[in-house]
Protein backbone atom coordinates (compact mmCIF):
# COMPACT_ATOMS: atom_id res chain seq x y z
CA GLN A 1 -49.85 -18.51 33.85
CA ASP A 2 -53.17 -19.63 35.33
CA GLY A 3 -56.04 -19.08 33.17
CA LYS A 4 -54.55 -19.65 29.69
CA VAL A 5 -55.58 -22.51 27.36
CA LEU A 6 -52.42 -24.50 26.50
CA LYS A 7 -53.26 -25.13 22.84
CA LYS A 8 -54.64 -21.56 22.15
CA ASP A 9 -52.39 -19.44 24.26
CA GLU A 10 -49.10 -21.39 25.00
CA LYS A 11 -49.14 -22.76 21.42
CA LEU A 12 -48.65 -26.45 22.93
CA GLY A 13 -49.35 -29.41 20.69
CA ALA A 14 -49.01 -33.34 20.56
CA GLY A 15 -45.31 -34.49 21.37
CA ASP A 16 -44.37 -31.23 22.83
CA VAL A 17 -42.11 -31.59 26.03
CA VAL A 18 -43.03 -29.51 29.14
CA HIS A 19 -40.33 -28.60 31.86
CA VAL A 20 -41.47 -28.43 35.13
CA GLU A 21 -39.55 -27.15 38.35
CA ARG A 22 -40.22 -27.13 41.80
CA LEU A 23 -39.68 -23.33 43.61
CA ALA A 24 -40.09 -22.37 47.06
CA SER A 25 -43.39 -20.90 47.99
CA GLY A 26 -43.52 -16.94 48.59
CA ALA A 27 -40.61 -16.38 45.99
CA LYS A 28 -40.56 -13.13 43.94
CA LEU A 29 -40.66 -13.14 40.50
CA GLU A 30 -37.29 -11.75 40.05
CA GLU A 31 -35.82 -14.81 42.23
CA LEU A 32 -38.14 -17.05 40.15
CA ILE A 33 -36.49 -15.67 36.84
CA HIS A 34 -32.80 -15.93 38.05
CA GLY A 35 -32.91 -18.50 40.26
CA SER A 36 -34.52 -21.07 38.20
CA LYS A 37 -32.72 -23.74 36.91
CA ILE A 38 -34.60 -24.35 33.86
CA ALA A 39 -34.31 -20.66 32.75
CA THR A 40 -30.56 -20.73 33.20
CA LYS A 41 -30.33 -24.11 30.87
CA PHE A 42 -32.60 -22.54 28.19
CA ASP A 43 -30.65 -19.16 28.83
CA LEU A 44 -27.36 -20.88 28.07
CA GLU A 45 -28.46 -22.77 25.24
CA MET A 46 -29.92 -19.64 23.38
CA ASN A 47 -26.32 -18.23 23.62
CA GLU A 48 -23.97 -20.90 23.26
CA LEU A 49 -21.81 -20.73 20.35
CA ARG A 50 -20.28 -24.07 18.58
CA VAL A 51 -17.05 -22.24 17.57
CA GLN A 52 -14.95 -24.42 15.29
CA ILE A 53 -11.26 -23.78 15.32
CA ASN A 54 -8.59 -24.76 12.58
CA LYS A 55 -5.34 -26.32 13.09
CA ILE A 56 -2.82 -23.74 13.61
CA GLY A 57 -0.79 -22.93 10.47
CA THR A 58 -3.54 -24.79 8.25
CA LEU A 59 -7.18 -24.06 7.11
CA ASP A 60 -8.06 -27.41 8.33
CA ILE A 61 -10.69 -27.85 11.15
CA GLU A 62 -9.23 -29.60 14.12
CA HIS A 63 -11.54 -28.72 17.36
CA GLU A 64 -14.69 -27.08 18.36
CA ILE A 65 -15.53 -25.38 21.47
CA ARG A 66 -18.71 -24.69 23.06
CA ILE A 67 -18.74 -21.08 24.49
CA ASP A 68 -21.25 -18.40 25.75
CA ALA A 69 -21.67 -15.81 23.20
CA ARG A 70 -21.39 -13.04 25.78
CA LYS A 71 -18.00 -14.33 27.12
CA THR A 72 -14.85 -12.15 26.15
CA VAL A 73 -12.04 -12.65 23.75
CA ALA A 74 -10.03 -13.45 26.89
CA ASP A 75 -12.27 -16.16 27.91
CA LEU A 76 -12.18 -17.45 24.23
CA ARG A 77 -8.38 -17.38 24.22
CA ALA A 78 -8.11 -19.25 27.39
CA ALA A 79 -10.67 -21.97 26.40
CA ILE A 80 -8.59 -22.49 22.91
CA ALA A 81 -5.50 -22.64 24.78
CA ALA A 82 -7.07 -25.61 27.05
CA LYS A 83 -8.33 -27.25 23.97
CA THR A 84 -5.11 -26.92 21.90
CA GLY A 85 -2.59 -26.89 24.57
CA LEU A 86 -0.96 -23.99 23.04
CA ASP A 87 0.09 -20.94 24.89
CA PRO A 88 -2.27 -18.35 25.13
CA SER A 89 0.00 -15.75 24.35
CA ALA A 90 1.68 -17.37 21.17
CA PHE A 91 -1.43 -16.99 18.69
CA ARG A 92 -3.87 -14.32 17.30
CA ILE A 93 -7.48 -15.17 17.03
CA ARG A 94 -9.38 -13.84 13.59
CA ARG A 95 -12.68 -14.10 12.85
CA ALA A 96 -11.78 -15.45 9.56
CA PHE A 97 -8.80 -16.32 7.52
CA HIS A 98 -7.27 -12.99 6.51
CA ASP A 99 -9.93 -11.02 8.61
CA GLN A 100 -10.46 -8.84 11.42
CA GLU A 101 -8.22 -9.81 14.59
CA LEU A 102 -9.79 -10.14 17.96
CA LYS A 103 -7.40 -8.04 19.64
CA ASP A 104 -9.84 -6.33 22.62
CA PRO A 105 -9.48 -8.78 25.14
CA THR A 106 -12.52 -7.44 27.06
CA ARG A 107 -14.97 -7.49 24.11
CA SER A 108 -17.69 -9.90 24.18
CA LEU A 109 -17.78 -12.35 21.20
CA THR A 110 -21.12 -10.94 20.07
CA SER A 111 -19.76 -7.58 19.62
CA TYR A 112 -17.26 -8.94 17.49
CA THR A 113 -20.12 -10.91 15.54
CA VAL A 114 -18.42 -14.39 16.00
CA GLU A 115 -20.88 -17.22 14.94
CA THR A 116 -19.60 -20.59 14.22
CA SER A 117 -15.58 -20.49 13.74
CA VAL A 118 -12.71 -18.38 14.44
CA TYR A 119 -9.53 -18.56 12.64
CA ILE A 120 -6.09 -18.83 14.65
CA GLU A 121 -2.56 -18.13 13.44
CA PRO A 122 0.99 -18.13 14.97
CA GLY A 123 2.20 -15.03 16.61
CA GLU A 124 2.16 -12.81 19.54
CA PRO A 125 -1.43 -11.12 19.92
CA LEU A 126 -1.40 -7.49 18.52
CA ALA A 127 -2.28 -4.54 21.26
CA LEU A 128 -5.10 -2.30 20.58
CA THR A 129 -2.67 0.60 19.57
CA GLN A 130 -0.79 -2.02 17.00
CA HIS A 131 -1.41 -2.72 13.71
CA LEU A 132 0.36 -5.39 11.43
CA VAL A 133 1.40 -3.90 8.07
CA HIS A 134 2.68 -5.89 5.01
CA VAL A 135 5.65 -4.36 3.40
CA PHE A 136 6.84 -5.38 0.22
CA LEU A 137 10.44 -4.33 -1.45
CA GLU A 138 10.62 -3.84 -5.20
CA ASP A 139 13.71 -5.46 -6.76
CA LYS A 140 15.46 -2.34 -8.74
CA GLN A 141 17.88 -4.43 -10.49
CA LYS A 142 14.96 -6.96 -11.73
CA GLN A 143 12.93 -3.90 -12.82
CA SER A 144 16.01 -2.37 -14.70
CA ASN A 145 16.24 -5.50 -16.44
CA SER A 146 12.81 -5.68 -17.43
CA SER A 147 12.78 -2.07 -18.52
CA ALA A 148 15.83 -2.91 -20.81
CA ALA A 149 14.37 -5.76 -22.14
CA ALA A 150 11.18 -3.95 -23.13
CA ALA A 151 13.09 -1.33 -24.70
CA ALA A 152 14.91 -3.54 -26.91
CA THR A 153 11.70 -5.28 -28.24
CA GLU A 154 10.09 -1.82 -28.82
CA THR A 155 13.25 -0.95 -30.65
CA LYS A 156 13.28 -4.24 -32.95
CA LYS A 157 9.34 -3.79 -33.64
CA SER A 158 10.34 -0.27 -34.85
CA GLU A 159 13.10 -1.16 -37.17
CA PRO A 160 12.49 -0.92 -41.10
CA VAL A 161 12.70 -3.87 -42.93
CA SER A 162 15.70 -3.84 -45.27
CA PRO A 163 14.87 -4.34 -49.02
CA ASP A 164 16.06 -7.74 -50.73
CA PRO A 165 19.37 -6.77 -52.62
CA SER A 166 18.13 -9.35 -55.36
CA GLY A 167 15.08 -8.05 -55.78
CA PRO A 168 13.92 -4.47 -57.41
CA SER A 169 14.79 -1.43 -55.75
CA PRO A 170 11.93 0.56 -54.00
CA PRO A 171 11.07 3.81 -55.37
CA ARG A 172 12.83 6.85 -54.25
CA PRO A 173 10.80 9.38 -52.63
CA PRO A 174 10.63 12.53 -54.75
CA SER A 175 12.54 15.79 -53.59
CA ASP A 176 12.64 19.49 -54.26
CA ASN A 177 15.40 19.25 -56.47
CA ASP A 178 13.54 16.82 -58.96
CA SER A 179 12.46 18.35 -62.50
CA PRO A 180 8.97 18.41 -62.99
CA PRO A 181 7.61 15.72 -64.93
CA THR A 182 7.21 15.81 -68.78
CA ALA A 183 4.69 14.46 -70.90
CA ALA A 184 5.30 11.60 -72.53
CA ALA A 185 5.98 12.35 -76.47
CA ALA A 186 3.44 11.16 -79.08
CA PRO A 187 4.62 8.14 -81.18
CA ALA A 188 5.69 9.64 -84.82
CA ALA A 189 3.08 8.88 -87.50
CA PRO A 190 4.19 6.22 -90.14
CA PRO A 191 5.46 7.67 -93.76
CA PRO A 192 2.89 7.61 -96.58
CA ALA A 193 2.74 4.68 -98.81
CA ALA A 194 4.15 4.88 -102.14
CA PRO A 195 1.42 4.71 -105.05
CA ALA A 196 0.97 1.72 -106.69
CA ALA A 197 2.46 1.26 -110.12
CA LEU A 198 0.32 1.56 -113.05
CA PRO A 199 0.57 -1.19 -115.47
CA ALA A 200 2.59 -0.52 -119.00
CA ALA A 201 -0.01 0.61 -122.00
CA ALA A 202 0.14 -2.00 -124.72
CA PRO A 203 1.71 -0.49 -128.19
CA PRO A 204 -0.78 0.39 -130.55
CA ALA A 205 -1.61 -2.29 -133.19
CA THR A 206 -0.40 -1.35 -136.70
CA THR A 207 -2.10 -2.63 -139.60
CA SER A 208 -0.96 -2.66 -143.03
CA THR A 209 -3.04 -2.24 -146.66
CA ASN A 210 -2.04 -3.20 -149.90
CA ASN A 211 -2.48 -0.58 -152.71
């Protein structure tokens, strides 16, 4: 605008690029905004998405599409089909692998928060009222065999260990019919020792006198 300082008000500095466009005189402000080629160019650049697309059936990135973030899912599907050569009705679009499917063809990419990539997978696109459900069936025979094996293992663990026939027998647990234990008898005292024999007395000495 007139009267503004370039460096202070418009923040222009050395090396900046200024775009100039010639407009018809007397044009209104709305016409200047919506009819400006420069405004249109910058508007597209600000809303442009560079969306990477995987090779269908894999996680490998194969293509990149430039599309306006305000475009719809239907527009993105058409752009993917044109880029890859796939049938538009033969693949599903997700935000990422195993993520939300972009089912509503009328919603914008911005509303789905699409930013840098999407994931495509083979299959017919689901309608808004449809949901994809994975069902897992249990193998009853396999489950029965596993239960029997677990029970056999538990039985084997609970079996008592058989005593070694060559070793000492384990003590028998006491029963009600057993007699109460008696105290052990004290050992008998040894008989008293015989007195020692005294030595025999010597015979008295005899003397003879001659009258």
